[in-house]
Every structure is written in C-alpha cells, then in structure tokens.
Amino acid sequence: MKKWIGFLSFVLLAWSLTGCYYDREDKVYPNGAACDTSLASYNNKVKPILQSNCYGCHSGGSPVAGFALETYAQVKVVADNGKLVGAVTHAAGFSAMPKGLPKLSDCDIALITKWVNLGAPEN
C-alpha cells in the first residue's frame, strides 16, 4: 500500500510540474497582440528593422537593385512611392523582401505600414 501511495504522489507531483512553462511573448501573443505600433517613427521603430533585415543587401556603394536604405532620405523615397510596404507585405507586383528569406514578422510589417501611413515621419 505504501508503494502505491508513493507512486501516486510521484505521478501527481510530475503532473503538476507539467503546467509550468516560460512565457514567451510570441507564444502567448501569436497574432501580435503585444505589438506596439504607437510612436511609429523612422528613428524609433523603422530604422532598427531595416538595419536587421535590409542593410545586408541595400547598403554600401552598390546596393542591390539600386535601392539604398541607409539614410532616412533614401527610405522615405521608397516609403512614399509604395515600394517599401509592397515589398515587405509581399504584395502582388512587388519583389518580396527580404529576398530569399522568411517574411518579416507581423509586428515589423505593421510598424512599417503604420509609419508609412503616418507620412513616414523621421522622429
């Protein structure tokens, strides 16, 4: 009988520990509910996204396809003509970016889109 009580105690303890996990924002909010698009400006939100995902190809002396995205002025041009949002949302008629890599996160796309819709402010 003591063996069964010990075994049952062990099973209950093991079962209770399976409910413990580390909350990851992308798992808890899979649809980007925690994505903060307020204060969407170039310096605060957009530039870090571009640095992480675009500078590898769209910077330097010979940027791919002639699109340099290193400065606010360069990015503003493609934001104003619709090519930035078209590319990152993989819209029909645009070259999907980043080329050959997974699509940007929903949050990053939402930030870029909001920024463009606000008139692409620098600060």
N, C-alpha and C. Protein backbone atom coordinates (compact mmCIF):
# COMPACT_ATOMS: atom_id res chain seq x y z
N MET A 1 0.81 -1.18 0.00
CA MET A 1 0.00 0.00 0.00
C MET A 1 0.86 1.26 0.00
N LYS A 2 1.97 1.25 0.77
CA LYS A 2 2.86 2.41 0.82
C LYS A 2 3.48 2.66 -0.56
N LYS A 3 3.73 1.59 -1.31
CA LYS A 3 4.30 1.75 -2.65
C LYS A 3 3.32 2.49 -3.56
N TRP A 4 2.03 2.15 -3.44
CA TRP A 4 1.02 2.81 -4.27
C TRP A 4 0.88 4.29 -3.91
N ILE A 5 0.93 4.59 -2.65
CA ILE A 5 0.81 5.99 -2.20
C ILE A 5 2.04 6.77 -2.69
N GLY A 6 3.20 6.17 -2.58
CA GLY A 6 4.43 6.81 -3.06
C GLY A 6 4.38 7.02 -4.57
N PHE A 7 3.93 5.98 -5.29
CA PHE A 7 3.82 6.07 -6.74
C PHE A 7 2.80 7.13 -7.14
N LEU A 8 1.64 7.13 -6.51
CA LEU A 8 0.60 8.11 -6.80
C LEU A 8 1.09 9.53 -6.48
N SER A 9 1.81 9.69 -5.39
CA SER A 9 2.37 11.00 -5.04
C SER A 9 3.35 11.47 -6.11
N PHE A 10 4.18 10.56 -6.58
CA PHE A 10 5.15 10.88 -7.63
C PHE A 10 4.44 11.30 -8.91
N VAL A 11 3.42 10.56 -9.31
CA VAL A 11 2.68 10.87 -10.53
C VAL A 11 2.00 12.23 -10.40
N LEU A 12 1.37 12.50 -9.28
CA LEU A 12 0.71 13.80 -9.07
C LEU A 12 1.71 14.95 -9.09
N LEU A 13 2.86 14.75 -8.48
CA LEU A 13 3.90 15.78 -8.49
C LEU A 13 4.40 16.03 -9.91
N ALA A 14 4.67 14.96 -10.64
CA ALA A 14 5.16 15.10 -12.01
C ALA A 14 4.11 15.78 -12.89
N TRP A 15 2.85 15.42 -12.72
CA TRP A 15 1.77 16.00 -13.50
C TRP A 15 1.62 17.49 -13.18
N SER A 16 1.74 17.87 -11.93
CA SER A 16 1.59 19.27 -11.55
C SER A 16 2.71 20.13 -12.11
N LEU A 17 3.89 19.57 -12.29
CA LEU A 17 5.01 20.34 -12.83
C LEU A 17 4.91 20.57 -14.32
N THR A 18 4.10 19.79 -15.02
CA THR A 18 3.98 19.98 -16.46
C THR A 18 3.25 21.27 -16.81
N GLY A 19 2.57 21.85 -15.85
CA GLY A 19 1.87 23.11 -16.09
C GLY A 19 2.79 24.31 -16.04
N CYS A 20 4.02 24.14 -15.61
CA CYS A 20 4.97 25.24 -15.53
C CYS A 20 5.67 25.41 -16.87
N TYR A 21 5.73 26.63 -17.33
CA TYR A 21 6.45 26.93 -18.56
C TYR A 21 6.89 28.38 -18.54
N TYR A 22 7.81 28.68 -19.42
CA TYR A 22 8.33 30.03 -19.54
C TYR A 22 7.50 30.77 -20.58
N ASP A 23 6.87 31.86 -20.19
CA ASP A 23 6.04 32.61 -21.11
C ASP A 23 6.91 33.35 -22.12
N ARG A 24 6.72 33.04 -23.38
CA ARG A 24 7.39 33.75 -24.46
C ARG A 24 6.34 34.61 -25.15
N GLU A 25 6.65 35.86 -25.39
CA GLU A 25 5.69 36.78 -25.97
C GLU A 25 5.12 36.27 -27.28
N ASP A 26 5.98 35.68 -28.14
CA ASP A 26 5.49 35.21 -29.43
C ASP A 26 4.60 33.98 -29.30
N LYS A 27 4.69 33.27 -28.19
CA LYS A 27 3.82 32.12 -27.95
C LYS A 27 2.52 32.54 -27.26
N VAL A 28 2.61 33.49 -26.35
CA VAL A 28 1.44 33.96 -25.63
C VAL A 28 0.58 34.84 -26.53
N TYR A 29 1.21 35.64 -27.38
CA TYR A 29 0.50 36.54 -28.29
C TYR A 29 0.87 36.20 -29.74
N PRO A 30 0.42 35.04 -30.24
CA PRO A 30 0.84 34.63 -31.58
C PRO A 30 0.36 35.53 -32.70
N ASN A 31 -0.67 36.30 -32.50
CA ASN A 31 -1.18 37.19 -33.55
C ASN A 31 -0.67 38.61 -33.40
N GLY A 32 0.36 38.80 -32.60
CA GLY A 32 0.97 40.12 -32.46
C GLY A 32 0.19 41.06 -31.56
N ALA A 33 -0.63 40.52 -30.67
CA ALA A 33 -1.44 41.37 -29.81
C ALA A 33 -0.57 42.31 -28.97
N ALA A 34 0.67 41.93 -28.72
CA ALA A 34 1.55 42.76 -27.90
C ALA A 34 2.37 43.74 -28.75
N CYS A 35 2.11 43.78 -30.04
CA CYS A 35 2.87 44.66 -30.94
C CYS A 35 2.44 46.10 -30.73
N ASP A 36 3.37 46.94 -30.34
CA ASP A 36 3.08 48.35 -30.07
C ASP A 36 3.46 49.18 -31.29
N THR A 37 2.47 49.64 -32.03
CA THR A 37 2.73 50.45 -33.21
C THR A 37 2.63 51.95 -32.92
N SER A 38 2.44 52.29 -31.66
CA SER A 38 2.42 53.72 -31.32
C SER A 38 3.83 54.28 -31.46
N LEU A 39 3.91 55.54 -31.65
CA LEU A 39 5.20 56.22 -31.83
C LEU A 39 6.01 55.64 -32.98
N ALA A 40 5.30 55.27 -34.04
CA ALA A 40 5.97 54.69 -35.21
C ALA A 40 6.71 55.78 -35.97
N SER A 41 7.98 55.89 -35.71
CA SER A 41 8.81 56.86 -36.43
C SER A 41 10.03 56.13 -36.99
N TYR A 42 10.69 56.77 -37.90
CA TYR A 42 11.86 56.17 -38.53
C TYR A 42 12.93 55.83 -37.49
N ASN A 43 13.30 56.82 -36.70
CA ASN A 43 14.39 56.60 -35.74
C ASN A 43 14.04 55.60 -34.65
N ASN A 44 12.79 55.62 -34.15
CA ASN A 44 12.41 54.75 -33.04
C ASN A 44 12.11 53.32 -33.46
N LYS A 45 11.46 53.12 -34.58
CA LYS A 45 10.96 51.79 -34.92
C LYS A 45 11.49 51.24 -36.25
N VAL A 46 11.45 52.05 -37.29
CA VAL A 46 11.72 51.55 -38.64
C VAL A 46 13.20 51.31 -38.88
N LYS A 47 14.05 52.22 -38.50
CA LYS A 47 15.49 52.08 -38.75
C LYS A 47 16.05 50.78 -38.17
N PRO A 48 15.73 50.42 -36.91
CA PRO A 48 16.25 49.14 -36.39
C PRO A 48 15.78 47.92 -37.19
N ILE A 49 14.56 47.96 -37.70
CA ILE A 49 14.07 46.85 -38.54
C ILE A 49 14.88 46.76 -39.81
N LEU A 50 15.11 47.91 -40.45
CA LEU A 50 15.89 47.94 -41.69
C LEU A 50 17.33 47.52 -41.45
N GLN A 51 17.92 47.96 -40.35
CA GLN A 51 19.29 47.57 -40.05
C GLN A 51 19.41 46.06 -39.92
N SER A 52 18.44 45.44 -39.28
CA SER A 52 18.49 44.00 -39.04
C SER A 52 18.17 43.17 -40.27
N ASN A 53 17.35 43.71 -41.15
CA ASN A 53 16.83 42.88 -42.24
C ASN A 53 17.17 43.33 -43.65
N CYS A 54 17.61 44.58 -43.82
CA CYS A 54 17.76 45.12 -45.17
C CYS A 54 19.17 45.60 -45.52
N TYR A 55 19.89 46.06 -44.52
CA TYR A 55 21.20 46.66 -44.78
C TYR A 55 22.18 45.70 -45.46
N GLY A 56 22.04 44.42 -45.20
CA GLY A 56 22.96 43.44 -45.80
C GLY A 56 23.02 43.55 -47.31
N CYS A 57 21.90 43.86 -47.95
CA CYS A 57 21.84 43.96 -49.41
C CYS A 57 21.66 45.40 -49.90
N HIS A 58 20.99 46.23 -49.11
CA HIS A 58 20.62 47.57 -49.56
C HIS A 58 21.43 48.66 -48.86
N SER A 59 22.75 48.48 -48.88
CA SER A 59 23.65 49.48 -48.33
C SER A 59 24.98 49.40 -49.06
N GLY A 60 25.84 50.35 -48.80
CA GLY A 60 27.16 50.34 -49.41
C GLY A 60 27.16 51.01 -50.78
N GLY A 61 28.27 50.85 -51.47
CA GLY A 61 28.46 51.50 -52.76
C GLY A 61 27.64 50.94 -53.89
N SER A 62 27.26 49.66 -53.81
CA SER A 62 26.48 49.03 -54.87
C SER A 62 25.28 48.28 -54.28
N PRO A 63 24.29 49.01 -53.79
CA PRO A 63 23.14 48.32 -53.20
C PRO A 63 22.36 47.53 -54.25
N VAL A 64 21.80 46.42 -53.83
CA VAL A 64 21.04 45.56 -54.74
C VAL A 64 19.88 46.34 -55.35
N ALA A 65 19.70 46.18 -56.65
CA ALA A 65 18.62 46.81 -57.42
C ALA A 65 18.67 48.33 -57.35
N GLY A 66 19.79 48.89 -56.88
CA GLY A 66 19.93 50.33 -56.81
C GLY A 66 19.16 50.98 -55.66
N PHE A 67 18.62 50.16 -54.77
CA PHE A 67 17.87 50.68 -53.62
C PHE A 67 18.75 50.69 -52.38
N ALA A 68 19.26 51.86 -52.04
CA ALA A 68 20.00 52.01 -50.79
C ALA A 68 18.99 52.42 -49.72
N LEU A 69 19.10 51.80 -48.56
CA LEU A 69 18.17 52.07 -47.46
C LEU A 69 18.91 52.47 -46.18
N GLU A 70 20.02 53.16 -46.35
CA GLU A 70 20.85 53.52 -45.20
C GLU A 70 20.46 54.81 -44.51
N THR A 71 19.85 55.71 -45.23
CA THR A 71 19.51 57.01 -44.65
C THR A 71 18.00 57.21 -44.66
N TYR A 72 17.55 58.13 -43.84
CA TYR A 72 16.13 58.46 -43.81
C TYR A 72 15.66 58.91 -45.19
N ALA A 73 16.42 59.76 -45.85
CA ALA A 73 16.03 60.29 -47.16
C ALA A 73 15.85 59.16 -48.18
N GLN A 74 16.75 58.18 -48.17
CA GLN A 74 16.65 57.05 -49.09
C GLN A 74 15.41 56.20 -48.81
N VAL A 75 15.15 55.97 -47.55
CA VAL A 75 14.00 55.15 -47.17
C VAL A 75 12.70 55.90 -47.44
N LYS A 76 12.69 57.19 -47.22
CA LYS A 76 11.49 57.99 -47.44
C LYS A 76 11.03 57.89 -48.89
N VAL A 77 11.95 57.85 -49.82
CA VAL A 77 11.60 57.74 -51.24
C VAL A 77 10.81 56.46 -51.50
N VAL A 78 11.30 55.32 -51.02
CA VAL A 78 10.60 54.06 -51.27
C VAL A 78 9.36 53.91 -50.39
N ALA A 79 9.31 54.63 -49.29
CA ALA A 79 8.10 54.64 -48.47
C ALA A 79 7.01 55.43 -49.19
N ASP A 80 7.37 56.58 -49.73
CA ASP A 80 6.39 57.44 -50.40
C ASP A 80 5.87 56.86 -51.72
N ASN A 81 6.70 56.10 -52.42
CA ASN A 81 6.24 55.56 -53.70
C ASN A 81 5.56 54.19 -53.56
N GLY A 82 5.43 53.69 -52.34
CA GLY A 82 4.71 52.45 -52.09
C GLY A 82 5.53 51.18 -52.20
N LYS A 83 6.77 51.30 -52.62
CA LYS A 83 7.58 50.10 -52.82
C LYS A 83 7.99 49.43 -51.52
N LEU A 84 8.16 50.18 -50.45
CA LEU A 84 8.58 49.58 -49.18
C LEU A 84 7.49 48.68 -48.63
N VAL A 85 6.28 49.20 -48.51
CA VAL A 85 5.18 48.39 -47.97
C VAL A 85 4.85 47.25 -48.93
N GLY A 86 4.86 47.51 -50.22
CA GLY A 86 4.60 46.45 -51.19
C GLY A 86 5.58 45.30 -51.07
N ALA A 87 6.84 45.63 -50.88
CA ALA A 87 7.88 44.60 -50.79
C ALA A 87 7.78 43.79 -49.49
N VAL A 88 7.60 44.47 -48.37
CA VAL A 88 7.60 43.74 -47.09
C VAL A 88 6.29 42.98 -46.84
N THR A 89 5.20 43.40 -47.50
CA THR A 89 3.94 42.67 -47.35
C THR A 89 3.79 41.57 -48.40
N HIS A 90 4.76 41.50 -49.32
CA HIS A 90 4.75 40.53 -50.41
C HIS A 90 3.52 40.72 -51.30
N ALA A 91 3.16 41.98 -51.54
CA ALA A 91 2.02 42.30 -52.39
C ALA A 91 2.32 41.93 -53.84
N ALA A 92 1.27 41.60 -54.57
CA ALA A 92 1.42 41.26 -55.99
C ALA A 92 2.03 42.44 -56.74
N GLY A 93 2.97 42.14 -57.62
CA GLY A 93 3.61 43.17 -58.42
C GLY A 93 4.85 43.76 -57.80
N PHE A 94 5.20 43.32 -56.60
CA PHE A 94 6.39 43.81 -55.91
C PHE A 94 7.34 42.65 -55.66
N SER A 95 8.62 42.95 -55.61
CA SER A 95 9.61 41.94 -55.26
C SER A 95 9.55 41.69 -53.76
N ALA A 96 9.22 40.46 -53.37
CA ALA A 96 9.07 40.13 -51.95
C ALA A 96 10.41 40.26 -51.22
N MET A 97 10.39 41.00 -50.13
CA MET A 97 11.59 41.24 -49.33
C MET A 97 11.37 40.80 -47.90
N PRO A 98 12.43 40.37 -47.25
CA PRO A 98 13.80 40.20 -47.75
C PRO A 98 13.90 39.00 -48.70
N LYS A 99 14.59 39.21 -49.79
CA LYS A 99 14.72 38.22 -50.87
C LYS A 99 15.36 36.94 -50.34
N GLY A 100 14.69 35.82 -50.59
CA GLY A 100 15.22 34.52 -50.22
C GLY A 100 15.20 34.20 -48.73
N LEU A 101 14.58 35.07 -47.95
CA LEU A 101 14.50 34.86 -46.50
C LEU A 101 13.03 34.87 -46.07
N PRO A 102 12.76 34.41 -44.87
CA PRO A 102 11.37 34.46 -44.40
C PRO A 102 10.84 35.89 -44.35
N LYS A 103 9.55 36.00 -44.49
CA LYS A 103 8.87 37.29 -44.40
C LYS A 103 9.13 37.91 -43.03
N LEU A 104 9.17 39.23 -42.97
CA LEU A 104 9.32 39.92 -41.68
C LEU A 104 8.17 39.52 -40.76
N SER A 105 8.37 39.70 -39.47
CA SER A 105 7.31 39.38 -38.52
C SER A 105 6.09 40.26 -38.77
N ASP A 106 4.94 39.79 -38.35
CA ASP A 106 3.71 40.59 -38.49
C ASP A 106 3.86 41.93 -37.80
N CYS A 107 4.53 41.94 -36.66
CA CYS A 107 4.72 43.19 -35.93
C CYS A 107 5.60 44.16 -36.72
N ASP A 108 6.70 43.68 -37.29
CA ASP A 108 7.57 44.55 -38.08
C ASP A 108 6.84 45.12 -39.29
N ILE A 109 6.05 44.28 -39.95
CA ILE A 109 5.27 44.74 -41.10
C ILE A 109 4.25 45.79 -40.65
N ALA A 110 3.59 45.55 -39.52
CA ALA A 110 2.61 46.50 -39.00
C ALA A 110 3.27 47.84 -38.66
N LEU A 111 4.46 47.79 -38.09
CA LEU A 111 5.18 49.02 -37.75
C LEU A 111 5.55 49.80 -38.99
N ILE A 112 6.07 49.12 -39.99
CA ILE A 112 6.45 49.81 -41.23
C ILE A 112 5.22 50.40 -41.91
N THR A 113 4.15 49.62 -41.98
CA THR A 113 2.92 50.09 -42.62
C THR A 113 2.34 51.30 -41.89
N LYS A 114 2.29 51.23 -40.58
CA LYS A 114 1.78 52.35 -39.78
C LYS A 114 2.64 53.59 -40.01
N TRP A 115 3.95 53.41 -40.00
CA TRP A 115 4.87 54.53 -40.22
C TRP A 115 4.62 55.19 -41.57
N VAL A 116 4.49 54.39 -42.61
CA VAL A 116 4.22 54.94 -43.96
C VAL A 116 2.87 55.66 -43.98
N ASN A 117 1.86 55.05 -43.36
CA ASN A 117 0.53 55.66 -43.31
C ASN A 117 0.50 56.98 -42.54
N LEU A 118 1.43 57.14 -41.62
CA LEU A 118 1.55 58.39 -40.86
C LEU A 118 2.32 59.47 -41.63
N GLY A 119 2.77 59.13 -42.84
CA GLY A 119 3.53 60.10 -43.63
C GLY A 119 5.03 59.91 -43.52
N ALA A 120 5.46 58.78 -42.96
CA ALA A 120 6.88 58.43 -42.82
C ALA A 120 7.68 59.49 -42.05
N PRO A 121 7.26 59.80 -40.80
CA PRO A 121 7.99 60.80 -40.02
C PRO A 121 9.38 60.32 -39.60
N GLU A 122 10.31 61.24 -39.56
CA GLU A 122 11.68 60.89 -39.17
C GLU A 122 11.77 60.66 -37.66
N ASN A 123 11.16 61.51 -36.88
CA ASN A 123 11.23 61.39 -35.42
C ASN A 123 9.86 61.19 -34.82
